[in-house]
Amino acid sequence: MISIDQVFNNQYYKKSTWIYLLIPFSIFFYCLSSLKKYLYKNGFLKTIKIKVPVLIIGNITLGGTGKTSLALDLVEKFLRKGLKPAIISRGYRGSANNITEVFESSDVSAVGDEALLIKTKTKSKIPVFIGKDRANVAKILLKKHPETSIIISDDGLQHHRLARDYEIIVVDSQRQFGNGLIFPAGPLRECISKLKQVDAVVYRGTNSNSSFYQMKYITKHFKNLLTNKTTIFKGIQDKKIVAITAIGNPESFFSTLEGYDLEFKKVTYNDHYLFNKNDFIKYADYNIVMTEKDAIKCQKFAMNNFWVLPLETKVDERLFRNILKKVT
């Protein structure tokens, strides 16, 4: 099974054919986004500056690069330094129309998978708010949590209305920039030259350029979504395995599993797809493997054959030192 996202990803990152027909639309998209940046830069559109430093973690490509993982890593480091971080997010694909505070008990269909994952993984140690207008989200967060000393925006690089003190672009070292074209003919949200305009560029994976920072994922075991039991990677081979995911870069997940010599069926859904129990009925005789972002949407109907791959993140320590130097 292949999702619409995967059809486009194949065109963006593997072999571009019919996608070139969309270049006129890419030119229009580029002109529109360039005009928007010009209006903000020259004061025709108002930028909102809030009372605490704002750190933006974004990307210039469509799909997943590891923004949320980096945000979680920085949250833990800020907490250890005695700071009071908070996170704002779009709440993508969530149904909430108003600015909303996220709790561990929040409905994933309302607040979105990424925001709920952040709240759950931080064990409610920090405020998490979602909303379309990041500037208003940040202001309301500060009203409710005035102790906040720094705000991290998970995504929002292209949301120019919110003034920022530090910008980070995250790049997937395997996929990088695909065919190099602007959306919809390519995966780029804006030109590659943006890398030279931000405070830091973080490559997830390996990169030989010492001016960029490096981030790696560490995986140690599978965890059963129903029982929380952990097992080694070979420990789920008593049944056939199916890897089911609805993330922006499913190939990254699949290549991790392949690295542990697991044989499995691949099933992809569109990014942020909201799973229901019927999606898994035909895999009752399989061990079902998923990412943490997928698992957060499956908790209410988890079975004992649902296994999640927990991630730990290792980030170049120079990045945090550089952030502290500029924003504290």
C-alpha atoms as a PDB file:
ATOM      1  CA  MET A   1       0.000   0.000   0.000  1.00  0.00           C
ATOM      2  CA  ILE A   2       1.377   3.415  -0.981  1.00  0.00           C
ATOM      3  CA  SER A   3       0.083   6.826   0.104  1.00  0.00           C
ATOM      4  CA  ILE A   4      -0.367   9.961  -2.004  1.00  0.00           C
ATOM      5  CA  ASP A   5       2.521  11.483  -0.029  1.00  0.00           C
ATOM      6  CA  GLN A   6       4.727   8.602  -1.168  1.00  0.00           C
ATOM      7  CA  VAL A   7       3.760   9.112  -4.811  1.00  0.00           C
ATOM      8  CA  PHE A   8       5.002  12.696  -4.584  1.00  0.00           C
ATOM      9  CA  ASN A   9       8.067  11.726  -2.527  1.00  0.00           C
ATOM     10  CA  ASN A  10       9.083   9.285  -5.251  1.00  0.00           C
ATOM     11  CA  GLN A  11       8.918  12.148  -7.745  1.00  0.00           C
ATOM     12  CA  TYR A  12      10.742  14.547  -5.463  1.00  0.00           C
ATOM     13  CA  TYR A  13      13.540  12.271  -4.247  1.00  0.00           C
ATOM     14  CA  LYS A  14      13.883   9.338  -6.656  1.00  0.00           C
ATOM     15  CA  LYS A  15      12.946   9.982 -10.277  1.00  0.00           C
ATOM     16  CA  SER A  16      11.186  13.129 -11.444  1.00  0.00           C
ATOM     17  CA  THR A  17       9.032  12.706 -14.564  1.00  0.00           C
ATOM     18  CA  TRP A  18       5.513  14.174 -14.796  1.00  0.00           C
ATOM     19  CA  ILE A  19       6.194  16.395 -11.765  1.00  0.00           C
ATOM     20  CA  TYR A  20       7.957  18.916 -14.046  1.00  0.00           C
ATOM     21  CA  LEU A  21       4.524  19.837 -15.416  1.00  0.00           C
ATOM     22  CA  LEU A  22       3.939  21.609 -12.099  1.00  0.00           C
ATOM     23  CA  ILE A  23       6.833  24.070 -12.514  1.00  0.00           C
ATOM     24  CA  PRO A  24       4.501  26.989 -13.491  1.00  0.00           C
ATOM     25  CA  PHE A  25       2.722  26.511 -10.152  1.00  0.00           C
ATOM     26  CA  SER A  26       6.106  26.471  -8.390  1.00  0.00           C
ATOM     27  CA  ILE A  27       6.953  29.833  -9.946  1.00  0.00           C
ATOM     28  CA  PHE A  28       3.662  31.239  -8.654  1.00  0.00           C
ATOM     29  CA  PHE A  29       4.289  29.782  -5.159  1.00  0.00           C
ATOM     30  CA  TYR A  30       7.822  31.233  -5.113  1.00  0.00           C
ATOM     31  CA  CYS A  31       6.612  34.700  -6.147  1.00  0.00           C
ATOM     32  CA  LEU A  32       3.868  34.650  -3.530  1.00  0.00           C
ATOM     33  CA  SER A  33       6.193  33.596  -0.687  1.00  0.00           C
ATOM     34  CA  SER A  34       8.859  36.098  -1.796  1.00  0.00           C
ATOM     35  CA  LEU A  35       6.286  38.897  -1.748  1.00  0.00           C
ATOM     36  CA  LYS A  36       5.179  37.890   1.746  1.00  0.00           C
ATOM     37  CA  LYS A  37       8.776  37.949   3.041  1.00  0.00           C
ATOM     38  CA  TYR A  38       9.354  41.339   1.412  1.00  0.00           C
ATOM     39  CA  LEU A  39       6.242  42.814   3.065  1.00  0.00           C
ATOM     40  CA  TYR A  40       7.349  41.615   6.507  1.00  0.00           C
ATOM     41  CA  LYS A  41      10.977  42.654   6.039  1.00  0.00           C
ATOM     42  CA  ASN A  42      10.034  46.189   4.996  1.00  0.00           C
ATOM     43  CA  GLY A  43       7.355  46.752   7.614  1.00  0.00           C
ATOM     44  CA  PHE A  44       4.263  46.610   5.412  1.00  0.00           C
ATOM     45  CA  LEU A  45       3.108  43.624   7.474  1.00  0.00           C
ATOM     46  CA  LYS A  46       3.578  43.758  11.225  1.00  0.00           C
ATOM     47  CA  THR A  47       5.934  41.416  13.090  1.00  0.00           C
ATOM     48  CA  ILE A  48       5.005  40.628  16.704  1.00  0.00           C
ATOM     49  CA  LYS A  49       7.816  40.624  19.274  1.00  0.00           C
ATOM     50  CA  ILE A  50       7.000  38.927  22.567  1.00  0.00           C
ATOM     51  CA  LYS A  51       8.626  39.338  25.991  1.00  0.00           C
ATOM     52  CA  VAL A  52      10.781  36.192  26.030  1.00  0.00           C
ATOM     53  CA  PRO A  53      13.243  34.759  23.490  1.00  0.00           C
ATOM     54  CA  VAL A  54      11.722  32.719  20.665  1.00  0.00           C
ATOM     55  CA  LEU A  55      13.596  29.833  19.083  1.00  0.00           C
ATOM     56  CA  ILE A  56      12.258  28.548  15.746  1.00  0.00           C
ATOM     57  CA  ILE A  57      12.957  24.988  14.614  1.00  0.00           C
ATOM     58  CA  GLY A  58      11.921  24.507  11.005  1.00  0.00           C
ATOM     59  CA  ASN A  59      12.870  23.107   7.647  1.00  0.00           C
ATOM     60  CA  ILE A  60      12.853  24.210   4.030  1.00  0.00           C
ATOM     61  CA  THR A  61      11.477  20.928   2.688  1.00  0.00           C
ATOM     62  CA  LEU A  62       8.126  19.206   2.968  1.00  0.00           C
ATOM     63  CA  GLY A  63       7.895  16.166   5.220  1.00  0.00           C
ATOM     64  CA  GLY A  64       9.746  15.068   8.304  1.00  0.00           C
ATOM     65  CA  THR A  65      13.329  16.000   9.072  1.00  0.00           C
ATOM     66  CA  GLY A  66      13.457  15.599  12.860  1.00  0.00           C
ATOM     67  CA  LYS A  67      12.226  18.987  14.104  1.00  0.00           C
ATOM     68  CA  THR A  68      10.174  17.549  16.957  1.00  0.00           C
ATOM     69  CA  SER A  69      13.030  15.326  18.142  1.00  0.00           C
ATOM     70  CA  LEU A  70      15.368  18.313  18.237  1.00  0.00           C
ATOM     71  CA  ALA A  71      12.776  20.383  20.112  1.00  0.00           C
ATOM     72  CA  LEU A  72      12.468  17.650  22.759  1.00  0.00           C
ATOM     73  CA  ASP A  73      16.245  17.450  23.142  1.00  0.00           C
ATOM     74  CA  LEU A  74      16.524  21.219  23.645  1.00  0.00           C
ATOM     75  CA  VAL A  75      13.659  21.218  26.149  1.00  0.00           C
ATOM     76  CA  GLU A  76      15.533  18.756  28.369  1.00  0.00           C
ATOM     77  CA  LYS A  77      18.709  20.820  28.148  1.00  0.00           C
ATOM     78  CA  PHE A  78      16.909  24.058  29.005  1.00  0.00           C
ATOM     79  CA  LEU A  79      15.261  22.374  32.006  1.00  0.00           C
ATOM     80  CA  ARG A  80      18.636  21.121  33.263  1.00  0.00           C
ATOM     81  CA  LYS A  81      19.912  24.707  33.059  1.00  0.00           C
ATOM     82  CA  GLY A  82      17.062  25.861  35.283  1.00  0.00           C
ATOM     83  CA  LEU A  83      15.178  27.634  32.491  1.00  0.00           C
ATOM     84  CA  LYS A  84      11.424  27.397  31.912  1.00  0.00           C
ATOM     85  CA  PRO A  85      10.848  26.417  28.277  1.00  0.00           C
ATOM     86  CA  ALA A  86       7.491  26.065  26.532  1.00  0.00           C
ATOM     87  CA  ILE A  87       6.553  24.786  23.074  1.00  0.00           C
ATOM     88  CA  ILE A  88       4.125  26.142  20.511  1.00  0.00           C
ATOM     89  CA  SER A  89       3.038  24.227  17.431  1.00  0.00           C
ATOM     90  CA  ARG A  90       0.578  24.426  14.578  1.00  0.00           C
ATOM     91  CA  GLY A  91      -1.281  21.330  15.780  1.00  0.00           C
ATOM     92  CA  TYR A  92      -1.317  20.120  12.197  1.00  0.00           C
ATOM     93  CA  ARG A  93      -4.335  18.003  11.196  1.00  0.00           C
ATOM     94  CA  GLY A  94      -5.910  18.617  14.600  1.00  0.00           C
ATOM     95  CA  SER A  95      -9.539  19.739  14.604  1.00  0.00           C
ATOM     96  CA  ALA A  96      -9.172  22.458  17.275  1.00  0.00           C
ATOM     97  CA  ASN A  97     -10.038  25.823  15.720  1.00  0.00           C
ATOM     98  CA  ASN A  98      -8.984  27.992  18.644  1.00  0.00           C
ATOM     99  CA  ILE A  99      -5.686  28.367  20.482  1.00  0.00           C
ATOM    100  CA  THR A 100      -5.525  25.333  22.753  1.00  0.00           C
ATOM    101  CA  GLU A 101      -3.344  24.138  25.607  1.00  0.00           C
ATOM    102  CA  VAL A 102      -2.304  20.509  25.181  1.00  0.00           C
ATOM    103  CA  PHE A 103      -2.508  18.009  28.042  1.00  0.00           C
ATOM    104  CA  GLU A 104      -1.567  14.341  28.168  1.00  0.00           C
ATOM    105  CA  SER A 105      -5.299  13.627  28.279  1.00  0.00           C
ATOM    106  CA  SER A 106      -6.010  15.706  25.147  1.00  0.00           C
ATOM    107  CA  ASP A 107      -7.682  14.039  22.176  1.00  0.00           C
ATOM    108  CA  VAL A 108      -5.132  13.498  19.419  1.00  0.00           C
ATOM    109  CA  SER A 109      -7.794  14.232  16.802  1.00  0.00           C
ATOM    110  CA  ALA A 110      -8.181  17.722  18.300  1.00  0.00           C
ATOM    111  CA  VAL A 111      -4.570  18.744  18.978  1.00  0.00           C
ATOM    112  CA  GLY A 112      -2.599  16.706  16.432  1.00  0.00           C
ATOM    113  CA  ASP A 113      -0.034  13.945  16.824  1.00  0.00           C
ATOM    114  CA  GLU A 114       3.130  16.038  17.186  1.00  0.00           C
ATOM    115  CA  ALA A 115       1.834  18.298  19.956  1.00  0.00           C
ATOM    116  CA  LEU A 116       0.459  15.389  21.970  1.00  0.00           C
ATOM    117  CA  LEU A 117       3.695  13.445  21.503  1.00  0.00           C
ATOM    118  CA  ILE A 118       5.683  16.416  22.852  1.00  0.00           C
ATOM    119  CA  LYS A 119       3.421  16.758  25.886  1.00  0.00           C
ATOM    120  CA  THR A 120       3.598  13.023  26.600  1.00  0.00           C
ATOM    121  CA  LYS A 121       7.359  12.659  26.174  1.00  0.00           C
ATOM    122  CA  THR A 122       8.074  15.686  28.391  1.00  0.00           C
ATOM    123  CA  LYS A 123       5.783  14.163  31.063  1.00  0.00           C
ATOM    124  CA  SER A 124       3.853  17.435  31.341  1.00  0.00           C
ATOM    125  CA  LYS A 125       6.937  19.298  32.614  1.00  0.00           C
ATOM    126  CA  ILE A 126       6.386  22.157  30.159  1.00  0.00           C
ATOM    127  CA  PRO A 127       3.413  24.039  28.662  1.00  0.00           C
ATOM    128  CA  VAL A 128       2.478  23.063  25.089  1.00  0.00           C
ATOM    129  CA  PHE A 129       0.053  25.223  23.077  1.00  0.00           C
ATOM    130  CA  ILE A 130      -1.242  24.914  19.515  1.00  0.00           C
ATOM    131  CA  GLY A 131      -2.816  27.328  17.053  1.00  0.00           C
ATOM    132  CA  LYS A 132      -2.564  28.679  13.529  1.00  0.00           C
ATOM    133  CA  ASP A 133      -1.276  32.148  14.453  1.00  0.00           C
ATOM    134  CA  ARG A 134       2.002  31.469  16.266  1.00  0.00           C
ATOM    135  CA  ALA A 135       2.293  35.051  17.532  1.00  0.00           C
ATOM    136  CA  ASN A 136      -1.106  34.924  19.241  1.00  0.00           C
ATOM    137  CA  VAL A 137      -0.388  31.408  20.527  1.00  0.00           C
ATOM    138  CA  ALA A 138       2.825  32.670  22.150  1.00  0.00           C
ATOM    139  CA  LYS A 139       1.065  35.659  23.748  1.00  0.00           C
ATOM    140  CA  ILE A 140      -1.728  33.535  25.224  1.00  0.00           C
ATOM    141  CA  LEU A 141       0.780  30.963  26.477  1.00  0.00           C
ATOM    142  CA  LEU A 142       2.675  33.695  28.328  1.00  0.00           C
ATOM    143  CA  LYS A 143      -0.532  35.017  29.898  1.00  0.00           C
ATOM    144  CA  LYS A 144      -1.349  31.591  31.289  1.00  0.00           C
ATOM    145  CA  HIS A 145       2.266  30.612  32.108  1.00  0.00           C
ATOM    146  CA  PRO A 146       4.138  33.874  32.894  1.00  0.00           C
ATOM    147  CA  GLU A 147       7.003  31.864  34.410  1.00  0.00           C
ATOM    148  CA  THR A 148       8.048  30.808  30.874  1.00  0.00           C
ATOM    149  CA  SER A 149      11.550  32.030  30.031  1.00  0.00           C
ATOM    150  CA  ILE A 150      11.931  30.777  26.438  1.00  0.00           C
ATOM    151  CA  ILE A 151       9.514  29.592  23.741  1.00  0.00           C
ATOM    152  CA  ILE A 152      10.380  26.950  21.164  1.00  0.00           C
ATOM    153  CA  SER A 153       8.289  26.903  18.006  1.00  0.00           C
ATOM    154  CA  ASP A 154       8.130  23.418  16.525  1.00  0.00           C
ATOM    155  CA  ASP A 155       7.981  24.425  12.852  1.00  0.00           C
ATOM    156  CA  GLY A 156       7.027  27.983  11.933  1.00  0.00           C
ATOM    157  CA  LEU A 157      10.114  29.010   9.945  1.00  0.00           C
ATOM    158  CA  GLN A 158       7.823  30.410   7.249  1.00  0.00           C
ATOM    159  CA  HIS A 159       5.462  32.033   9.797  1.00  0.00           C
ATOM    160  CA  HIS A 160       7.058  35.498   9.684  1.00  0.00           C
ATOM    161  CA  ARG A 161       4.509  37.274  11.881  1.00  0.00           C
ATOM    162  CA  LEU A 162       6.222  35.936  15.013  1.00  0.00           C
ATOM    163  CA  ALA A 163       9.575  37.642  15.606  1.00  0.00           C
ATOM    164  CA  ARG A 164      12.352  35.231  16.456  1.00  0.00           C
ATOM    165  CA  ASP A 165      15.682  35.399  18.265  1.00  0.00           C
ATOM    166  CA  TYR A 166      17.197  32.199  16.922  1.00  0.00           C
ATOM    167  CA  GLU A 167      16.394  30.134  13.819  1.00  0.00           C
ATOM    168  CA  ILE A 168      17.351  26.517  13.201  1.00  0.00           C
ATOM    169  CA  ILE A 169      16.852  24.586   9.967  1.00  0.00           C
ATOM    170  CA  VAL A 170      16.857  20.781  10.216  1.00  0.00           C
ATOM    171  CA  VAL A 171      17.961  18.812   7.144  1.00  0.00           C
ATOM    172  CA  ASP A 172      17.667  15.085   6.490  1.00  0.00           C
ATOM    173  CA  SER A 173      21.167  14.063   5.346  1.00  0.00           C
ATOM    174  CA  GLN A 174      19.858  11.200   3.195  1.00  0.00           C
ATOM    175  CA  ARG A 175      17.103  12.998   1.289  1.00  0.00           C
ATOM    176  CA  GLN A 176      18.499  16.539   1.540  1.00  0.00           C
ATOM    177  CA  PHE A 177      16.712  18.701  -1.057  1.00  0.00           C
ATOM    178  CA  GLY A 178      15.468  16.165  -3.593  1.00  0.00           C
ATOM    179  CA  ASN A 179      15.197  17.524  -7.135  1.00  0.00           C
ATOM    180  CA  GLY A 180      15.935  21.031  -5.849  1.00  0.00           C
ATOM    181  CA  LEU A 181      12.661  22.527  -7.042  1.00  0.00           C
ATOM    182  CA  ILE A 182      10.150  24.674  -5.170  1.00  0.00           C
ATOM    183  CA  PHE A 183       6.789  23.114  -4.222  1.00  0.00           C
ATOM    184  CA  PRO A 184       4.719  21.664  -5.887  1.00  0.00           C
ATOM    185  CA  ALA A 185       7.244  20.560  -8.541  1.00  0.00           C
ATOM    186  CA  GLY A 186       9.734  19.811  -5.771  1.00  0.00           C
ATOM    187  CA  PRO A 187       9.918  19.438  -1.993  1.00  0.00           C
ATOM    188  CA  LEU A 188      11.309  22.892  -1.208  1.00  0.00           C
ATOM    189  CA  ARG A 189       9.276  25.399   0.804  1.00  0.00           C
ATOM    190  CA  GLU A 190      11.871  28.045  -0.040  1.00  0.00           C
ATOM    191  CA  CYS A 191      15.262  28.316  -1.711  1.00  0.00           C
ATOM    192  CA  ILE A 192      18.332  26.459  -0.451  1.00  0.00           C
ATOM    193  CA  SER A 193      20.026  29.840   0.035  1.00  0.00           C
ATOM    194  CA  LYS A 194      17.936  30.152   3.220  1.00  0.00           C
ATOM    195  CA  LEU A 195      20.538  27.915   4.908  1.00  0.00           C
ATOM    196  CA  LYS A 196      22.936  30.879   4.888  1.00  0.00           C
ATOM    197  CA  GLN A 197      20.447  33.198   6.575  1.00  0.00           C
ATOM    198  CA  VAL A 198      19.643  31.273   9.765  1.00  0.00           C
ATOM    199  CA  ASP A 199      21.557  30.915  13.030  1.00  0.00           C
ATOM    200  CA  ALA A 200      22.113  27.163  12.772  1.00  0.00           C
ATOM    201  CA  VAL A 201      21.700  24.260  10.360  1.00  0.00           C
ATOM    202  CA  VAL A 202      21.317  20.795  11.887  1.00  0.00           C
ATOM    203  CA  TYR A 203      21.806  17.687   9.762  1.00  0.00           C
ATOM    204  CA  ARG A 204      20.023  14.562  10.932  1.00  0.00           C
ATOM    205  CA  GLY A 205      22.564  11.908  10.032  1.00  0.00           C
ATOM    206  CA  THR A 206      26.120  12.401   8.852  1.00  0.00           C
ATOM    207  CA  ASN A 207      27.551  15.529   7.279  1.00  0.00           C
ATOM    208  CA  SER A 208      31.164  16.511   6.664  1.00  0.00           C
ATOM    209  CA  ASN A 209      30.625  20.281   6.834  1.00  0.00           C
ATOM    210  CA  SER A 210      31.889  21.402  10.247  1.00  0.00           C
ATOM    211  CA  SER A 211      29.842  24.609  10.120  1.00  0.00           C
ATOM    212  CA  PHE A 212      26.685  22.487  10.399  1.00  0.00           C
ATOM    213  CA  TYR A 213      25.592  20.669  13.543  1.00  0.00           C
ATOM    214  CA  GLN A 214      24.856  16.965  13.643  1.00  0.00           C
ATOM    215  CA  MET A 215      21.937  15.068  15.151  1.00  0.00           C
ATOM    216  CA  LYS A 216      21.592  11.294  15.354  1.00  0.00           C
ATOM    217  CA  TYR A 217      18.806   8.950  16.377  1.00  0.00           C
ATOM    218  CA  ILE A 218      19.560   6.132  18.801  1.00  0.00           C
ATOM    219  CA  THR A 219      17.257   3.100  18.991  1.00  0.00           C
ATOM    220  CA  LYS A 220      17.716   0.386  21.617  1.00  0.00           C
ATOM    221  CA  HIS A 221      14.595  -1.797  21.616  1.00  0.00           C
ATOM    222  CA  PHE A 222      10.911  -2.144  20.762  1.00  0.00           C
ATOM    223  CA  LYS A 223       8.274  -1.307  23.367  1.00  0.00           C
ATOM    224  CA  ASN A 224       4.861  -2.921  23.458  1.00  0.00           C
ATOM    225  CA  LEU A 225       2.231  -0.203  23.168  1.00  0.00           C
ATOM    226  CA  LEU A 226      -0.265  -2.095  25.344  1.00  0.00           C
ATOM    227  CA  THR A 227       1.942  -3.548  28.104  1.00  0.00           C
ATOM    228  CA  ASN A 228       5.080  -1.304  27.933  1.00  0.00           C
ATOM    229  CA  LYS A 229       7.174  -4.499  27.795  1.00  0.00           C
ATOM    230  CA  THR A 230      10.453  -4.032  25.914  1.00  0.00           C
ATOM    231  CA  THR A 231      12.222  -6.522  23.680  1.00  0.00           C
ATOM    232  CA  ILE A 232      15.329  -6.691  21.513  1.00  0.00           C
ATOM    233  CA  PHE A 233      14.881  -6.131  17.797  1.00  0.00           C
ATOM    234  CA  LYS A 234      14.933  -9.845  16.987  1.00  0.00           C
ATOM    235  CA  GLY A 235      12.373 -10.448  19.756  1.00  0.00           C
ATOM    236  CA  ILE A 236       9.358  -9.842  17.516  1.00  0.00           C
ATOM    237  CA  GLN A 237      10.265 -12.362  14.839  1.00  0.00           C
ATOM    238  CA  ASP A 238       7.923 -15.010  16.232  1.00  0.00           C
ATOM    239  CA  LYS A 239       5.333 -13.667  13.760  1.00  0.00           C
ATOM    240  CA  LYS A 240       5.354 -11.955  10.397  1.00  0.00           C
ATOM    241  CA  ILE A 241       6.088  -8.233  10.769  1.00  0.00           C
ATOM    242  CA  VAL A 242       4.323  -5.267   9.209  1.00  0.00           C
ATOM    243  CA  ALA A 243       5.652  -1.717   9.574  1.00  0.00           C
ATOM    244  CA  ILE A 244       2.770   0.755   9.411  1.00  0.00           C
ATOM    245  CA  THR A 245       3.445   4.464   9.442  1.00  0.00           C
ATOM    246  CA  ALA A 246       1.930   7.863   8.645  1.00  0.00           C
ATOM    247  CA  ILE A 247       4.956  10.160   8.792  1.00  0.00           C
ATOM    248  CA  GLY A 248       6.508  12.571   6.310  1.00  0.00           C
ATOM    249  CA  ASN A 249       9.585  10.443   5.658  1.00  0.00           C
ATOM    250  CA  PRO A 250       8.618   6.762   6.003  1.00  0.00           C
ATOM    251  CA  GLU A 251      11.776   5.555   4.250  1.00  0.00           C
ATOM    252  CA  SER A 252      13.821   6.749   7.205  1.00  0.00           C
ATOM    253  CA  PHE A 253      11.787   4.503   9.508  1.00  0.00           C
ATOM    254  CA  PHE A 254      11.969   1.559   7.122  1.00  0.00           C
ATOM    255  CA  SER A 255      15.739   1.874   6.662  1.00  0.00           C
ATOM    256  CA  THR A 256      16.195   1.833  10.456  1.00  0.00           C
ATOM    257  CA  LEU A 257      14.287  -1.451  10.656  1.00  0.00           C
ATOM    258  CA  GLU A 258      16.225  -2.887   7.724  1.00  0.00           C
ATOM    259  CA  GLY A 259      19.411  -2.018   9.581  1.00  0.00           C
ATOM    260  CA  TYR A 260      18.426  -4.625  12.177  1.00  0.00           C
ATOM    261  CA  ASP A 261      17.972  -7.328   9.490  1.00  0.00           C
ATOM    262  CA  LEU A 262      14.217  -7.465   9.965  1.00  0.00           C
ATOM    263  CA  GLU A 263      11.998  -8.673   7.127  1.00  0.00           C
ATOM    264  CA  PHE A 264       8.686  -6.851   7.038  1.00  0.00           C
ATOM    265  CA  LYS A 265       5.788  -5.649   4.933  1.00  0.00           C
ATOM    266  CA  LYS A 266       5.638  -1.866   4.369  1.00  0.00           C
ATOM    267  CA  VAL A 267       2.374   0.065   4.706  1.00  0.00           C
ATOM    268  CA  THR A 268       2.294   3.857   4.432  1.00  0.00           C
ATOM    269  CA  TYR A 269      -0.441   6.416   4.986  1.00  0.00           C
ATOM    270  CA  ASN A 270      -0.374  10.158   4.393  1.00  0.00           C
ATOM    271  CA  ASP A 271       1.540  12.211   6.943  1.00  0.00           C
ATOM    272  CA  HIS A 272      -0.507  12.822  10.127  1.00  0.00           C
ATOM    273  CA  TYR A 273      -3.204  10.326   9.069  1.00  0.00           C
ATOM    274  CA  LEU A 274      -5.469   9.592  12.047  1.00  0.00           C
ATOM    275  CA  PHE A 275      -5.473   5.811  12.518  1.00  0.00           C
ATOM    276  CA  ASN A 276      -8.506   3.829  13.612  1.00  0.00           C
ATOM    277  CA  LYS A 277      -8.707   0.216  14.760  1.00  0.00           C
ATOM    278  CA  ASN A 278     -10.099  -0.938  11.416  1.00  0.00           C
ATOM    279  CA  ASP A 279      -6.783  -0.077   9.766  1.00  0.00           C
ATOM    280  CA  PHE A 280      -5.172  -2.956  11.664  1.00  0.00           C
ATOM    281  CA  ILE A 281      -7.796  -5.736  11.478  1.00  0.00           C
ATOM    282  CA  LYS A 282      -6.156  -7.580   8.601  1.00  0.00           C
ATOM    283  CA  TYR A 283      -2.824  -7.603  10.451  1.00  0.00           C
ATOM    284  CA  ALA A 284      -4.102  -9.439  13.529  1.00  0.00           C
ATOM    285  CA  ASP A 285      -1.626 -12.276  12.906  1.00  0.00           C
ATOM    286  CA  TYR A 286       1.337  -9.913  12.479  1.00  0.00           C
ATOM    287  CA  ASN A 287       3.559  -8.041  14.875  1.00  0.00           C
ATOM    288  CA  ILE A 288       2.792  -4.417  13.996  1.00  0.00           C
ATOM    289  CA  VAL A 289       5.704  -1.968  14.236  1.00  0.00           C
ATOM    290  CA  MET A 290       5.272   1.827  14.253  1.00  0.00           C
ATOM    291  CA  THR A 291       6.966   5.091  15.183  1.00  0.00           C
ATOM    292  CA  GLU A 292       6.242   7.045  18.366  1.00  0.00           C
ATOM    293  CA  LYS A 293       4.326   9.605  16.320  1.00  0.00           C
ATOM    294  CA  ASP A 294       2.097   6.830  14.956  1.00  0.00           C
ATOM    295  CA  ALA A 295       1.726   5.170  18.351  1.00  0.00           C
ATOM    296  CA  ILE A 296       0.336   8.306  19.993  1.00  0.00           C
ATOM    297  CA  LYS A 297      -2.694   7.905  17.688  1.00  0.00           C
ATOM    298  CA  CYS A 298      -3.189   4.206  18.473  1.00  0.00           C
ATOM    299  CA  GLN A 299      -3.160   4.141  22.277  1.00  0.00           C
ATOM    300  CA  LYS A 300      -6.928   3.865  22.705  1.00  0.00           C
ATOM    301  CA  PHE A 301      -7.190   0.649  20.686  1.00  0.00           C
ATOM    302  CA  ALA A 302      -3.699  -0.849  21.149  1.00  0.00           C
ATOM    303  CA  MET A 303      -3.426  -4.645  21.063  1.00  0.00           C
ATOM    304  CA  ASN A 304      -0.636  -6.866  22.363  1.00  0.00           C
ATOM    305  CA  ASN A 305       0.873  -7.107  18.868  1.00  0.00           C
ATOM    306  CA  PHE A 306       1.458  -3.323  18.629  1.00  0.00           C
ATOM    307  CA  TRP A 307       5.150  -2.420  18.976  1.00  0.00           C
ATOM    308  CA  VAL A 308       6.654   1.062  18.948  1.00  0.00           C
ATOM    309  CA  LEU A 309      10.258   2.033  18.209  1.00  0.00           C
ATOM    310  CA  PRO A 310      11.315   4.610  20.855  1.00  0.00           C
ATOM    311  CA  LEU A 311      13.902   7.165  19.777  1.00  0.00           C
ATOM    312  CA  GLU A 312      16.658   8.877  21.712  1.00  0.00           C
ATOM    313  CA  THR A 313      18.353  11.868  20.148  1.00  0.00           C
ATOM    314  CA  LYS A 314      22.031  12.788  20.282  1.00  0.00           C
ATOM    315  CA  VAL A 315      22.754  16.379  19.250  1.00  0.00           C
ATOM    316  CA  ASP A 316      26.057  18.174  18.796  1.00  0.00           C
ATOM    317  CA  GLU A 317      26.664  19.964  22.115  1.00  0.00           C
ATOM    318  CA  ARG A 318      28.030  23.013  20.297  1.00  0.00           C
ATOM    319  CA  LEU A 319      24.490  23.864  19.192  1.00  0.00           C
ATOM    320  CA  PHE A 320      23.144  24.296  22.725  1.00  0.00           C
ATOM    321  CA  ARG A 321      26.136  26.379  23.763  1.00  0.00           C
ATOM    322  CA  ASN A 322      25.584  28.633  20.761  1.00  0.00           C
ATOM    323  CA  ILE A 323      21.877  29.026  21.578  1.00  0.00           C
ATOM    324  CA  LEU A 324      22.604  29.933  25.201  1.00  0.00           C
ATOM    325  CA  LYS A 325      25.162  32.505  24.102  1.00  0.00           C
ATOM    326  CA  LYS A 326      22.648  34.292  21.919  1.00  0.00           C
ATOM    327  CA  VAL A 327      19.317  34.052  23.755  1.00  0.00           C
ATOM    328  CA  THR A 328      20.152  34.057  27.488  1.00  0.00           C
END
